[in-house]
Amino acid sequence: MTADRESLANPRLWLAFATMLLTSGIPNAFPVFFPALLEEFGGSRGATAATASLFWLLAAVLAPVAGHWMSRFNPRRGLSTGLIAVAAGLALGTRAG
């Protein structure tokens, strides 16, 4: 029982949990935010839904490329580059509309 409590106190476990929540939870929550996005940006349902489709299409196309790149080169460099790209995309996304 104490081993279970010690593993729950591990900060790396919580960091991994938070990372998975942010990287998987937020993109998969698109249907929850769909009505608010329609209201805020005033687009059609099809155009708004197409943004999510484009996201998942790009993820499907680029995942094997990113996996190969990280296998061939340093995974830390690949993750760092990916995080910088995500941060830049989020920053640019705030300027949309």
Foldseek 3Di string as FASTA:
>chain_A
DVVVVVVVPDVVVVVVVVVCCVVPVVLVCCVVCLVVVCVPPVDDSVVSVVVSVVVVVCCVVCVVVLVVVCVVDPVVVSVVVVVVVVVVVVVVVVVDD
